[in-house]
Amino acid sequence: MHDVPDDGEGVTKPEDGLYCLGMTVEGARWNKRKRFMDESEPKILYTVGPMIHFTPSKKEDISLVDRFCCPLFKTPDRRGVLMTTGHSTNYVTDIRMPTNVPASHWVKRGVAMLLSIAE
């Protein structure tokens, strides 16, 4: 994620995986300068998320050190039909976001990323 600009300017097709831009962060913000999750500005609920580079990886190769597994939902309505996997139909995946505080800090605040803020 660190080699990808947040605005998508000048980005070419990656060799592997894909870039995703346009997600929204709810309950926190992406600090572009420091390149990690940060506290929201006062009275700001939704902020622009960073461009994410999704790449295929083996589960055992994924490090969770200094990362918050931020849930990604389709909409802010975090409910849906419960599937046999135990996840809601509104849930998409977790995104490992860099953080300089324990992941529990963001979990307690209910931080999530959204594909759409319209319901």
PDB file of N, CA and C in Angstrom:
ATOM      1  N   MET A   1       0.823  -1.191   0.000  1.00  0.00           N
ATOM      2  CA  MET A   1       0.000   0.000   0.000  1.00  0.00           C
ATOM      3  C   MET A   1       0.867   1.253   0.000  1.00  0.00           C
ATOM      4  N   HIS A   2       2.082   1.199   0.537  1.00  0.00           N
ATOM      5  CA  HIS A   2       2.892   2.399   0.701  1.00  0.00           C
ATOM      6  C   HIS A   2       3.411   2.966  -0.611  1.00  0.00           C
ATOM      7  N   ASP A   3       3.460   2.178  -1.674  1.00  0.00           N
ATOM      8  CA  ASP A   3       3.987   2.679  -2.936  1.00  0.00           C
ATOM      9  C   ASP A   3       2.892   3.189  -3.864  1.00  0.00           C
ATOM     10  N   VAL A   4       1.661   3.261  -3.403  1.00  0.00           N
ATOM     11  CA  VAL A   4       0.532   3.664  -4.237  1.00  0.00           C
ATOM     12  C   VAL A   4       0.043   5.043  -3.812  1.00  0.00           C
ATOM     13  N   PRO A   5      -0.017   6.015  -4.753  1.00  0.00           N
ATOM     14  CA  PRO A   5      -0.533   7.337  -4.380  1.00  0.00           C
ATOM     15  C   PRO A   5      -2.012   7.267  -4.029  1.00  0.00           C
ATOM     16  N   ASP A   6      -2.448   8.105  -3.078  1.00  0.00           N
ATOM     17  CA  ASP A   6      -3.833   8.065  -2.614  1.00  0.00           C
ATOM     18  C   ASP A   6      -4.836   8.564  -3.640  1.00  0.00           C
ATOM     19  N   ASP A   7      -4.403   9.412  -4.568  1.00  0.00           N
ATOM     20  CA  ASP A   7      -5.348  10.005  -5.510  1.00  0.00           C
ATOM     21  C   ASP A   7      -5.423   9.279  -6.849  1.00  0.00           C
ATOM     22  N   GLY A   8      -4.536   8.333  -7.092  1.00  0.00           N
ATOM     23  CA  GLY A   8      -4.566   7.573  -8.332  1.00  0.00           C
ATOM     24  C   GLY A   8      -3.875   8.245  -9.503  1.00  0.00           C
ATOM     25  N   GLU A   9      -3.344   9.447  -9.305  1.00  0.00           N
ATOM     26  CA  GLU A   9      -2.673  10.172 -10.386  1.00  0.00           C
ATOM     27  C   GLU A   9      -1.406   9.437 -10.827  1.00  0.00           C
ATOM     28  N   GLY A  10      -1.272   9.244 -12.136  1.00  0.00           N
ATOM     29  CA  GLY A  10      -0.072   8.637 -12.699  1.00  0.00           C
ATOM     30  C   GLY A  10       0.078   7.157 -12.439  1.00  0.00           C
ATOM     31  N   VAL A  11      -0.962   6.509 -11.976  1.00  0.00           N
ATOM     32  CA  VAL A  11      -0.887   5.083 -11.660  1.00  0.00           C
ATOM     33  C   VAL A  11      -1.147   4.263 -12.918  1.00  0.00           C
ATOM     34  N   THR A  12      -0.319   3.276 -13.142  1.00  0.00           N
ATOM     35  CA  THR A  12      -0.517   2.353 -14.252  1.00  0.00           C
ATOM     36  C   THR A  12      -0.964   1.009 -13.692  1.00  0.00           C
ATOM     37  N   LYS A  13      -1.395   0.152 -14.575  1.00  0.00           N
ATOM     38  CA  LYS A  13      -1.874  -1.170 -14.181  1.00  0.00           C
ATOM     39  C   LYS A  13      -0.783  -1.923 -13.407  1.00  0.00           C
ATOM     40  N   PRO A  14      -1.143  -2.514 -12.241  1.00  0.00           N
ATOM     41  CA  PRO A  14      -0.126  -3.256 -11.483  1.00  0.00           C
ATOM     42  C   PRO A  14       0.226  -4.575 -12.172  1.00  0.00           C
ATOM     43  N   GLU A  15       1.408  -5.085 -11.870  1.00  0.00           N
ATOM     44  CA  GLU A  15       1.813  -6.374 -12.431  1.00  0.00           C
ATOM     45  C   GLU A  15       0.937  -7.500 -11.908  1.00  0.00           C
ATOM     46  N   ASP A  16       0.512  -7.369 -10.642  1.00  0.00           N
ATOM     47  CA  ASP A  16      -0.317  -8.397 -10.021  1.00  0.00           C
ATOM     48  C   ASP A  16      -1.374  -7.710  -9.163  1.00  0.00           C
ATOM     49  N   GLY A  17      -2.574  -8.245  -9.124  1.00  0.00           N
ATOM     50  CA  GLY A  17      -3.636  -7.678  -8.306  1.00  0.00           C
ATOM     51  C   GLY A  17      -4.344  -6.534  -9.001  1.00  0.00           C
ATOM     52  N   LEU A  18      -4.940  -5.643  -8.178  1.00  0.00           N
ATOM     53  CA  LEU A  18      -5.656  -4.493  -8.719  1.00  0.00           C
ATOM     54  C   LEU A  18      -5.637  -3.356  -7.722  1.00  0.00           C
ATOM     55  N   TYR A  19      -5.833  -2.148  -8.243  1.00  0.00           N
ATOM     56  CA  TYR A  19      -5.939  -0.965  -7.401  1.00  0.00           C
ATOM     57  C   TYR A  19      -7.409  -0.624  -7.237  1.00  0.00           C
ATOM     58  N   CYS A  20      -7.784  -0.203  -6.048  1.00  0.00           N
ATOM     59  CA  CYS A  20      -9.168   0.185  -5.775  1.00  0.00           C
ATOM     60  C   CYS A  20      -9.153   1.567  -5.125  1.00  0.00           C
ATOM     61  N   LEU A  21      -9.894   2.498  -5.714  1.00  0.00           N
ATOM     62  CA  LEU A  21      -9.950   3.876  -5.249  1.00  0.00           C
ATOM     63  C   LEU A  21     -11.404   4.270  -5.053  1.00  0.00           C
ATOM     64  N   GLY A  22     -11.676   5.120  -4.083  1.00  0.00           N
ATOM     65  CA  GLY A  22     -13.028   5.641  -3.904  1.00  0.00           C
ATOM     66  C   GLY A  22     -13.744   5.118  -2.677  1.00  0.00           C
ATOM     67  N   MET A  23     -13.063   4.359  -1.834  1.00  0.00           N
ATOM     68  CA  MET A  23     -13.693   3.875  -0.610  1.00  0.00           C
ATOM     69  C   MET A  23     -13.707   4.998   0.427  1.00  0.00           C
ATOM     70  N   THR A  24     -14.628   4.909   1.361  1.00  0.00           N
ATOM     71  CA  THR A  24     -14.804   5.916   2.397  1.00  0.00           C
ATOM     72  C   THR A  24     -14.488   5.291   3.752  1.00  0.00           C
ATOM     73  N   VAL A  25     -13.831   6.062   4.614  1.00  0.00           N
ATOM     74  CA  VAL A  25     -13.542   5.611   5.979  1.00  0.00           C
ATOM     75  C   VAL A  25     -14.576   6.234   6.903  1.00  0.00           C
ATOM     76  N   GLU A  26     -15.176   5.410   7.766  1.00  0.00           N
ATOM     77  CA  GLU A  26     -16.168   5.885   8.731  1.00  0.00           C
ATOM     78  C   GLU A  26     -15.597   5.751  10.140  1.00  0.00           C
ATOM     79  N   GLY A  27     -15.613   6.850  10.901  1.00  0.00           N
ATOM     80  CA  GLY A  27     -15.187   6.810  12.292  1.00  0.00           C
ATOM     81  C   GLY A  27     -13.713   7.077  12.523  1.00  0.00           C
ATOM     82  N   ALA A  28     -12.956   7.296  11.469  1.00  0.00           N
ATOM     83  CA  ALA A  28     -11.531   7.618  11.558  1.00  0.00           C
ATOM     84  C   ALA A  28     -11.163   8.320  10.252  1.00  0.00           C
ATOM     85  N   ARG A  29      -9.876   8.515  10.029  1.00  0.00           N
ATOM     86  CA  ARG A  29      -9.451   9.077   8.754  1.00  0.00           C
ATOM     87  C   ARG A  29      -8.114   8.477   8.360  1.00  0.00           C
ATOM     88  N   TRP A  30      -7.848   8.515   7.070  1.00  0.00           N
ATOM     89  CA  TRP A  30      -6.560   8.085   6.555  1.00  0.00           C
ATOM     90  C   TRP A  30      -5.660   9.310   6.524  1.00  0.00           C
ATOM     91  N   ASN A  31      -4.548   9.249   7.255  1.00  0.00           N
ATOM     92  CA  ASN A  31      -3.591  10.350   7.294  1.00  0.00           C
ATOM     93  C   ASN A  31      -2.642  10.184   6.114  1.00  0.00           C
ATOM     94  N   LYS A  32      -2.831  11.005   5.070  1.00  0.00           N
ATOM     95  CA  LYS A  32      -2.025  10.891   3.850  1.00  0.00           C
ATOM     96  C   LYS A  32      -0.549  11.146   4.101  1.00  0.00           C
ATOM     97  N   ARG A  33      -0.267  12.121   4.942  1.00  0.00           N
ATOM     98  CA  ARG A  33       1.119  12.495   5.189  1.00  0.00           C
ATOM     99  C   ARG A  33       1.863  11.394   5.957  1.00  0.00           C
ATOM    100  N   LYS A  34       1.257  10.878   7.011  1.00  0.00           N
ATOM    101  CA  LYS A  34       1.893   9.851   7.842  1.00  0.00           C
ATOM    102  C   LYS A  34       1.646   8.437   7.327  1.00  0.00           C
ATOM    103  N   ARG A  35       0.647   8.291   6.484  1.00  0.00           N
ATOM    104  CA  ARG A  35       0.278   7.018   5.845  1.00  0.00           C
ATOM    105  C   ARG A  35      -0.137   5.941   6.851  1.00  0.00           C
ATOM    106  N   PHE A  36      -1.044   6.345   7.788  1.00  0.00           N
ATOM    107  CA  PHE A  36      -1.673   5.381   8.685  1.00  0.00           C
ATOM    108  C   PHE A  36      -3.009   5.926   9.150  1.00  0.00           C
ATOM    109  N   MET A  37      -3.793   5.067   9.812  1.00  0.00           N
ATOM    110  CA  MET A  37      -5.093   5.464  10.345  1.00  0.00           C
ATOM    111  C   MET A  37      -4.877   6.504  11.437  1.00  0.00           C
ATOM    112  N   ASP A  38      -5.784   7.490  11.493  1.00  0.00           N
ATOM    113  CA  ASP A  38      -5.665   8.563  12.459  1.00  0.00           C
ATOM    114  C   ASP A  38      -7.060   8.939  12.951  1.00  0.00           C
ATOM    115  N   GLU A  39      -7.098   9.727  14.017  1.00  0.00           N
ATOM    116  CA  GLU A  39      -8.383  10.176  14.566  1.00  0.00           C
ATOM    117  C   GLU A  39      -9.111  11.071  13.564  1.00  0.00           C
ATOM    118  N   SER A  40     -10.427  11.013  13.570  1.00  0.00           N
ATOM    119  CA  SER A  40     -11.241  11.888  12.726  1.00  0.00           C
ATOM    120  C   SER A  40     -11.105  13.331  13.189  1.00  0.00           C
ATOM    121  N   GLU A  41     -11.323  14.239  12.269  1.00  0.00           N
ATOM    122  CA  GLU A  41     -11.425  15.650  12.629  1.00  0.00           C
ATOM    123  C   GLU A  41     -12.768  15.835  13.334  1.00  0.00           C
ATOM    124  N   PRO A  42     -12.912  16.829  14.209  1.00  0.00           N
ATOM    125  CA  PRO A  42     -14.181  17.032  14.917  1.00  0.00           C
ATOM    126  C   PRO A  42     -15.372  17.178  13.950  1.00  0.00           C
ATOM    127  N   LYS A  43     -16.452  16.477  14.268  1.00  0.00           N
ATOM    128  CA  LYS A  43     -17.720  16.517  13.533  1.00  0.00           C
ATOM    129  C   LYS A  43     -17.644  15.972  12.104  1.00  0.00           C
ATOM    130  N   ILE A  44     -16.581  15.241  11.769  1.00  0.00           N
ATOM    131  CA  ILE A  44     -16.437  14.629  10.444  1.00  0.00           C
ATOM    132  C   ILE A  44     -16.580  13.119  10.599  1.00  0.00           C
ATOM    133  N   LEU A  45     -17.659  12.562  10.052  1.00  0.00           N
ATOM    134  CA  LEU A  45     -17.915  11.124  10.181  1.00  0.00           C
ATOM    135  C   LEU A  45     -17.273  10.324   9.047  1.00  0.00           C
ATOM    136  N   TYR A  46     -17.363  10.830   7.810  1.00  0.00           N
ATOM    137  CA  TYR A  46     -16.839  10.110   6.643  1.00  0.00           C
ATOM    138  C   TYR A  46     -15.659  10.864   6.043  1.00  0.00           C
ATOM    139  N   THR A  47     -14.602  10.122   5.696  1.00  0.00           N
ATOM    140  CA  THR A  47     -13.453  10.716   5.017  1.00  0.00           C
ATOM    141  C   THR A  47     -13.043   9.828   3.845  1.00  0.00           C
ATOM    142  N   VAL A  48     -12.267  10.377   2.939  1.00  0.00           N
ATOM    143  CA  VAL A  48     -11.806   9.641   1.765  1.00  0.00           C
ATOM    144  C   VAL A  48     -10.722   8.653   2.186  1.00  0.00           C
ATOM    145  N   GLY A  49     -10.882   7.428   1.746  1.00  0.00           N
ATOM    146  CA  GLY A  49      -9.883   6.398   2.053  1.00  0.00           C
ATOM    147  C   GLY A  49      -8.766   6.402   1.034  1.00  0.00           C
ATOM    148  N   PRO A  50      -7.687   5.694   1.318  1.00  0.00           N
ATOM    149  CA  PRO A  50      -6.555   5.638   0.387  1.00  0.00           C
ATOM    150  C   PRO A  50      -6.827   4.681  -0.767  1.00  0.00           C
ATOM    151  N   MET A  51      -6.031   4.799  -1.808  1.00  0.00           N
ATOM    152  CA  MET A  51      -6.066   3.804  -2.867  1.00  0.00           C
ATOM    153  C   MET A  51      -5.449   2.528  -2.279  1.00  0.00           C
ATOM    154  N   ILE A  52      -6.100   1.418  -2.492  1.00  0.00           N
ATOM    155  CA  ILE A  52      -5.644   0.134  -1.950  1.00  0.00           C
ATOM    156  C   ILE A  52      -5.175  -0.762  -3.089  1.00  0.00           C
ATOM    157  N   HIS A  53      -4.030  -1.402  -2.896  1.00  0.00           N
ATOM    158  CA  HIS A  53      -3.526  -2.373  -3.868  1.00  0.00           C
ATOM    159  C   HIS A  53      -3.844  -3.767  -3.330  1.00  0.00           C
ATOM    160  N   PHE A  54      -4.824  -4.399  -3.932  1.00  0.00           N
ATOM    161  CA  PHE A  54      -5.197  -5.762  -3.552  1.00  0.00           C
ATOM    162  C   PHE A  54      -4.321  -6.730  -4.345  1.00  0.00           C
ATOM    163  N   THR A  55      -3.634  -7.626  -3.626  1.00  0.00           N
ATOM    164  CA  THR A  55      -2.810  -8.634  -4.282  1.00  0.00           C
ATOM    165  C   THR A  55      -3.122 -10.000  -3.690  1.00  0.00           C
ATOM    166  N   PRO A  56      -3.081 -11.036  -4.519  1.00  0.00           N
ATOM    167  CA  PRO A  56      -3.316 -12.383  -3.980  1.00  0.00           C
ATOM    168  C   PRO A  56      -2.138 -12.797  -3.095  1.00  0.00           C
ATOM    169  N   SER A  57      -2.458 -13.376  -1.941  1.00  0.00           N
ATOM    170  CA  SER A  57      -1.423 -13.787  -0.988  1.00  0.00           C
ATOM    171  C   SER A  57      -1.860 -15.044  -0.264  1.00  0.00           C
ATOM    172  N   LYS A  58      -0.896 -15.802   0.211  1.00  0.00           N
ATOM    173  CA  LYS A  58      -1.190 -16.931   1.071  1.00  0.00           C
ATOM    174  C   LYS A  58      -1.455 -16.405   2.468  1.00  0.00           C
ATOM    175  N   LYS A  59      -2.391 -17.003   3.157  1.00  0.00           N
ATOM    176  CA  LYS A  59      -2.753 -16.550   4.501  1.00  0.00           C
ATOM    177  C   LYS A  59      -1.559 -16.526   5.440  1.00  0.00           C
ATOM    178  N   GLU A  60      -0.689 -17.523   5.364  1.00  0.00           N
ATOM    179  CA  GLU A  60       0.457 -17.589   6.262  1.00  0.00           C
ATOM    180  C   GLU A  60       1.518 -16.520   5.956  1.00  0.00           C
ATOM    181  N   ASP A  61       1.444 -15.881   4.790  1.00  0.00           N
ATOM    182  CA  ASP A  61       2.400 -14.827   4.425  1.00  0.00           C
ATOM    183  C   ASP A  61       1.934 -13.435   4.835  1.00  0.00           C
ATOM    184  N   ILE A  62       0.733 -13.318   5.392  1.00  0.00           N
ATOM    185  CA  ILE A  62       0.170 -12.019   5.739  1.00  0.00           C
ATOM    186  C   ILE A  62       0.509 -11.673   7.180  1.00  0.00           C
ATOM    187  N   SER A  63       1.165 -10.541   7.375  1.00  0.00           N
ATOM    188  CA  SER A  63       1.530 -10.074   8.717  1.00  0.00           C
ATOM    189  C   SER A  63       0.454  -9.131   9.241  1.00  0.00           C
ATOM    190  N   LEU A  64       0.117  -9.265  10.508  1.00  0.00           N
ATOM    191  CA  LEU A  64      -0.858  -8.380  11.135  1.00  0.00           C
ATOM    192  C   LEU A  64      -0.187  -7.418  12.116  1.00  0.00           C
ATOM    193  N   VAL A  65       1.144  -7.379  12.109  1.00  0.00           N
ATOM    194  CA  VAL A  65       1.885  -6.487  12.994  1.00  0.00           C
ATOM    195  C   VAL A  65       1.646  -5.039  12.560  1.00  0.00           C
ATOM    196  N   ASP A  66       1.298  -4.179  13.510  1.00  0.00           N
ATOM    197  CA  ASP A  66       1.023  -2.764  13.252  1.00  0.00           C
ATOM    198  C   ASP A  66      -0.066  -2.567  12.201  1.00  0.00           C
ATOM    199  N   ARG A  67      -1.075  -3.423  12.224  1.00  0.00           N
ATOM    200  CA  ARG A  67      -2.175  -3.331  11.273  1.00  0.00           C
ATOM    201  C   ARG A  67      -3.516  -3.459  11.998  1.00  0.00           C
ATOM    202  N   PHE A  68      -4.494  -2.729  11.490  1.00  0.00           N
ATOM    203  CA  PHE A  68      -5.872  -2.840  11.946  1.00  0.00           C
ATOM    204  C   PHE A  68      -6.648  -3.506  10.820  1.00  0.00           C
ATOM    205  N   CYS A  69      -7.261  -4.638  11.097  1.00  0.00           N
ATOM    206  CA  CYS A  69      -8.067  -5.338  10.097  1.00  0.00           C
ATOM    207  C   CYS A  69      -9.407  -4.614   9.989  1.00  0.00           C
ATOM    208  N   CYS A  70      -9.447  -3.632   9.118  1.00  0.00           N
ATOM    209  CA  CYS A  70     -10.611  -2.761   8.967  1.00  0.00           C
ATOM    210  C   CYS A  70     -11.667  -3.453   8.104  1.00  0.00           C
ATOM    211  N   PRO A  71     -12.871  -3.652   8.629  1.00  0.00           N
ATOM    212  CA  PRO A  71     -13.905  -4.293   7.817  1.00  0.00           C
ATOM    213  C   PRO A  71     -14.366  -3.360   6.700  1.00  0.00           C
ATOM    214  N   LEU A  72     -14.597  -3.927   5.538  1.00  0.00           N
ATOM    215  CA  LEU A  72     -15.120  -3.187   4.385  1.00  0.00           C
ATOM    216  C   LEU A  72     -16.550  -3.641   4.153  1.00  0.00           C
ATOM    217  N   PHE A  73     -17.480  -2.684   4.152  1.00  0.00           N
ATOM    218  CA  PHE A  73     -18.896  -2.960   3.929  1.00  0.00           C
ATOM    219  C   PHE A  73     -19.370  -2.280   2.648  1.00  0.00           C
ATOM    220  N   LYS A  74     -20.431  -2.801   2.064  1.00  0.00           N
ATOM    221  CA  LYS A  74     -21.009  -2.184   0.860  1.00  0.00           C
ATOM    222  C   LYS A  74     -21.654  -0.845   1.193  1.00  0.00           C
ATOM    223  N   THR A  75     -22.360  -0.768   2.317  1.00  0.00           N
ATOM    224  CA  THR A  75     -23.065   0.454   2.721  1.00  0.00           C
ATOM    225  C   THR A  75     -22.851   0.693   4.213  1.00  0.00           C
ATOM    226  N   PRO A  76     -23.201   1.891   4.714  1.00  0.00           N
ATOM    227  CA  PRO A  76     -23.059   2.154   6.151  1.00  0.00           C
ATOM    228  C   PRO A  76     -23.987   1.302   7.012  1.00  0.00           C
ATOM    229  N   ASP A  77     -25.038   0.772   6.427  1.00  0.00           N
ATOM    230  CA  ASP A  77     -25.958  -0.096   7.150  1.00  0.00           C
ATOM    231  C   ASP A  77     -25.255  -1.435   7.335  1.00  0.00           C
ATOM    232  N   ARG A  78     -24.720  -1.660   8.513  1.00  0.00           N
ATOM    233  CA  ARG A  78     -23.851  -2.824   8.730  1.00  0.00           C
ATOM    234  C   ARG A  78     -24.623  -4.101   9.022  1.00  0.00           C
ATOM    235  N   ARG A  79     -25.804  -4.181   8.533  1.00  0.00           N
ATOM    236  CA  ARG A  79     -26.568  -5.422   8.691  1.00  0.00           C
ATOM    237  C   ARG A  79     -26.945  -5.939   7.317  1.00  0.00           C
ATOM    238  N   GLY A  80     -27.325  -7.145   7.279  1.00  0.00           N
ATOM    239  CA  GLY A  80     -27.730  -7.799   6.044  1.00  0.00           C
ATOM    240  C   GLY A  80     -28.155  -9.205   6.384  1.00  0.00           C
ATOM    241  N   VAL A  81     -28.380 -10.003   5.400  1.00  0.00           N
ATOM    242  CA  VAL A  81     -28.747 -11.388   5.614  1.00  0.00           C
ATOM    243  C   VAL A  81     -27.496 -12.151   6.024  1.00  0.00           C
ATOM    244  N   LEU A  82     -27.582 -12.900   7.107  1.00  0.00           N
ATOM    245  CA  LEU A  82     -26.451 -13.675   7.585  1.00  0.00           C
ATOM    246  C   LEU A  82     -26.246 -14.886   6.680  1.00  0.00           C
ATOM    247  N   MET A  83     -25.036 -15.009   6.150  1.00  0.00           N
ATOM    248  CA  MET A  83     -24.722 -16.135   5.268  1.00  0.00           C
ATOM    249  C   MET A  83     -24.186 -17.303   6.094  1.00  0.00           C
ATOM    250  N   THR A  84     -24.029 -18.445   5.483  1.00  0.00           N
ATOM    251  CA  THR A  84     -23.520 -19.616   6.185  1.00  0.00           C
ATOM    252  C   THR A  84     -22.079 -19.427   6.637  1.00  0.00           C
ATOM    253  N   THR A  85     -21.356 -18.457   6.056  1.00  0.00           N
ATOM    254  CA  THR A  85     -19.978 -18.174   6.464  1.00  0.00           C
ATOM    255  C   THR A  85     -19.930 -17.422   7.782  1.00  0.00           C
ATOM    256  N   GLY A  86     -21.084 -16.934   8.256  1.00  0.00           N
ATOM    257  CA  GLY A  86     -21.137 -16.163   9.482  1.00  0.00           C
ATOM    258  C   GLY A  86     -21.019 -14.671   9.255  1.00  0.00           C
ATOM    259  N   HIS A  87     -20.863 -14.261   7.999  1.00  0.00           N
ATOM    260  CA  HIS A  87     -20.754 -12.839   7.664  1.00  0.00           C
ATOM    261  C   HIS A  87     -22.064 -12.337   7.067  1.00  0.00           C
ATOM    262  N   SER A  88     -22.267 -11.037   7.166  1.00  0.00           N
ATOM    263  CA  SER A  88     -23.435 -10.388   6.578  1.00  0.00           C
ATOM    264  C   SER A  88     -23.241 -10.262   5.068  1.00  0.00           C
ATOM    265  N   THR A  89     -24.333 -10.202   4.325  1.00  0.00           N
ATOM    266  CA  THR A  89     -24.245  -9.992   2.877  1.00  0.00           C
ATOM    267  C   THR A  89     -23.732  -8.594   2.569  1.00  0.00           C
ATOM    268  N   ASN A  90     -23.712  -7.699   3.551  1.00  0.00           N
ATOM    269  CA  ASN A  90     -23.196  -6.344   3.386  1.00  0.00           C
ATOM    270  C   ASN A  90     -21.682  -6.293   3.583  1.00  0.00           C
ATOM    271  N   TYR A  91     -21.110  -7.298   4.220  1.00  0.00           N
ATOM    272  CA  TYR A  91     -19.671  -7.377   4.482  1.00  0.00           C
ATOM    273  C   TYR A  91     -18.937  -7.813   3.218  1.00  0.00           C
ATOM    274  N   VAL A  92     -17.780  -7.181   2.932  1.00  0.00           N
ATOM    275  CA  VAL A  92     -16.994  -7.548   1.754  1.00  0.00           C
ATOM    276  C   VAL A  92     -15.727  -8.289   2.167  1.00  0.00           C
ATOM    277  N   THR A  93     -14.860  -7.629   2.939  1.00  0.00           N
ATOM    278  CA  THR A  93     -13.595  -8.222   3.369  1.00  0.00           C
ATOM    279  C   THR A  93     -12.969  -7.338   4.436  1.00  0.00           C
ATOM    280  N   ASP A  94     -11.858  -7.768   4.990  1.00  0.00           N
ATOM    281  CA  ASP A  94     -11.068  -6.932   5.888  1.00  0.00           C
ATOM    282  C   ASP A  94      -9.900  -6.355   5.099  1.00  0.00           C
ATOM    283  N   ILE A  95      -9.551  -5.103   5.397  1.00  0.00           N
ATOM    284  CA  ILE A  95      -8.403  -4.458   4.779  1.00  0.00           C
ATOM    285  C   ILE A  95      -7.401  -4.151   5.887  1.00  0.00           C
ATOM    286  N   ARG A  96      -6.187  -4.628   5.732  1.00  0.00           N
ATOM    287  CA  ARG A  96      -5.146  -4.410   6.745  1.00  0.00           C
ATOM    288  C   ARG A  96      -4.605  -2.989   6.610  1.00  0.00           C
ATOM    289  N   MET A  97      -5.023  -2.121   7.523  1.00  0.00           N
ATOM    290  CA  MET A  97      -4.634  -0.714   7.485  1.00  0.00           C
ATOM    291  C   MET A  97      -3.504  -0.448   8.478  1.00  0.00           C
ATOM    292  N   PRO A  98      -2.449   0.256   8.049  1.00  0.00           N
ATOM    293  CA  PRO A  98      -1.369   0.604   8.982  1.00  0.00           C
ATOM    294  C   PRO A  98      -1.888   1.490  10.110  1.00  0.00           C
ATOM    295  N   THR A  99      -1.365   1.273  11.315  1.00  0.00           N
ATOM    296  CA  THR A  99      -1.770   2.053  12.482  1.00  0.00           C
ATOM    297  C   THR A  99      -0.601   2.178  13.441  1.00  0.00           C
ATOM    298  N   ASN A 100      -0.581   3.276  14.188  1.00  0.00           N
ATOM    299  CA  ASN A 100       0.476   3.457  15.181  1.00  0.00           C
ATOM    300  C   ASN A 100      -0.063   3.270  16.603  1.00  0.00           C
ATOM    301  N   VAL A 101      -1.308   2.811  16.719  1.00  0.00           N
ATOM    302  CA  VAL A 101      -1.920   2.487  18.007  1.00  0.00           C
ATOM    303  C   VAL A 101      -2.435   1.052  17.918  1.00  0.00           C
ATOM    304  N   PRO A 102      -2.739   0.410  19.041  1.00  0.00           N
ATOM    305  CA  PRO A 102      -3.270  -0.956  18.975  1.00  0.00           C
ATOM    306  C   PRO A 102      -4.563  -1.026  18.150  1.00  0.00           C
ATOM    307  N   ALA A 103      -4.754  -2.116  17.446  1.00  0.00           N
ATOM    308  CA  ALA A 103      -5.950  -2.299  16.614  1.00  0.00           C
ATOM    309  C   ALA A 103      -7.227  -2.165  17.432  1.00  0.00           C
ATOM    310  N   SER A 104      -7.182  -2.543  18.707  1.00  0.00           N
ATOM    311  CA  SER A 104      -8.364  -2.452  19.570  1.00  0.00           C
ATOM    312  C   SER A 104      -8.876  -1.017  19.681  1.00  0.00           C
ATOM    313  N   HIS A 105      -7.994  -0.045  19.517  1.00  0.00           N
ATOM    314  CA  HIS A 105      -8.370   1.372  19.540  1.00  0.00           C
ATOM    315  C   HIS A 105      -9.429   1.666  18.470  1.00  0.00           C
ATOM    316  N   TRP A 106      -9.209   1.138  17.272  1.00  0.00           N
ATOM    317  CA  TRP A 106     -10.134   1.384  16.151  1.00  0.00           C
ATOM    318  C   TRP A 106     -11.374   0.502  16.257  1.00  0.00           C
ATOM    319  N   VAL A 107     -11.208  -0.703  16.791  1.00  0.00           N
ATOM    320  CA  VAL A 107     -12.356  -1.603  16.979  1.00  0.00           C
ATOM    321  C   VAL A 107     -13.359  -0.964  17.933  1.00  0.00           C
ATOM    322  N   LYS A 108     -12.874  -0.400  19.036  1.00  0.00           N
ATOM    323  CA  LYS A 108     -13.756   0.240  20.024  1.00  0.00           C
ATOM    324  C   LYS A 108     -14.491   1.436  19.439  1.00  0.00           C
ATOM    325  N   ARG A 109     -13.926   2.083  18.437  1.00  0.00           N
ATOM    326  CA  ARG A 109     -14.562   3.232  17.797  1.00  0.00           C
ATOM    327  C   ARG A 109     -15.500   2.819  16.655  1.00  0.00           C
ATOM    328  N   GLY A 110     -15.518   1.543  16.334  1.00  0.00           N
ATOM    329  CA  GLY A 110     -16.410   1.069  15.276  1.00  0.00           C
ATOM    330  C   GLY A 110     -15.994   1.510  13.892  1.00  0.00           C
ATOM    331  N   VAL A 111     -14.697   1.668  13.670  1.00  0.00           N
ATOM    332  CA  VAL A 111     -14.183   2.132  12.384  1.00  0.00           C
ATOM    333  C   VAL A 111     -14.401   1.065  11.313  1.00  0.00           C
ATOM    334  N   ALA A 112     -14.810   1.534  10.134  1.00  0.00           N
ATOM    335  CA  ALA A 112     -15.011   0.649   8.991  1.00  0.00           C
ATOM    336  C   ALA A 112     -14.769   1.419   7.704  1.00  0.00           C
ATOM    337  N   MET A 113     -14.574   0.702   6.626  1.00  0.00           N
ATOM    338  CA  MET A 113     -14.499   1.317   5.301  1.00  0.00           C
ATOM    339  C   MET A 113     -15.775   0.940   4.563  1.00  0.00           C
ATOM    340  N   LEU A 114     -16.206   1.846   3.688  1.00  0.00           N
ATOM    341  CA  LEU A 114     -17.471   1.661   2.968  1.00  0.00           C
ATOM    342  C   LEU A 114     -17.275   1.847   1.482  1.00  0.00           C
ATOM    343  N   LEU A 115     -17.994   1.072   0.684  1.00  0.00           N
ATOM    344  CA  LEU A 115     -17.971   1.248  -0.763  1.00  0.00           C
ATOM    345  C   LEU A 115     -18.929   2.344  -1.207  1.00  0.00           C
ATOM    346  N   SER A 116     -19.980   2.569  -0.397  1.00  0.00           N
ATOM    347  CA  SER A 116     -20.967   3.599  -0.722  1.00  0.00           C
ATOM    348  C   SER A 116     -21.532   4.155   0.567  1.00  0.00           C
ATOM    349  N   ILE A 117     -21.698   5.482   0.646  1.00  0.00           N
ATOM    350  CA  ILE A 117     -22.317   6.043   1.844  1.00  0.00           C
ATOM    351  C   ILE A 117     -23.811   6.282   1.639  1.00  0.00           C
ATOM    352  N   ALA A 118     -24.302   6.049   0.412  1.00  0.00           N
ATOM    353  CA  ALA A 118     -25.738   6.155   0.136  1.00  0.00           C
ATOM    354  C   ALA A 118     -26.401   4.830   0.455  1.00  0.00           C
ATOM    355  N   GLU A 119     -27.616   4.885   1.008  1.00  0.00           N
ATOM    356  CA  GLU A 119     -28.314   3.637   1.352  1.00  0.00           C
ATOM    357  C   GLU A 119     -29.404   3.328   0.360  1.00  0.00           C
TER     358      GLU A 119
END
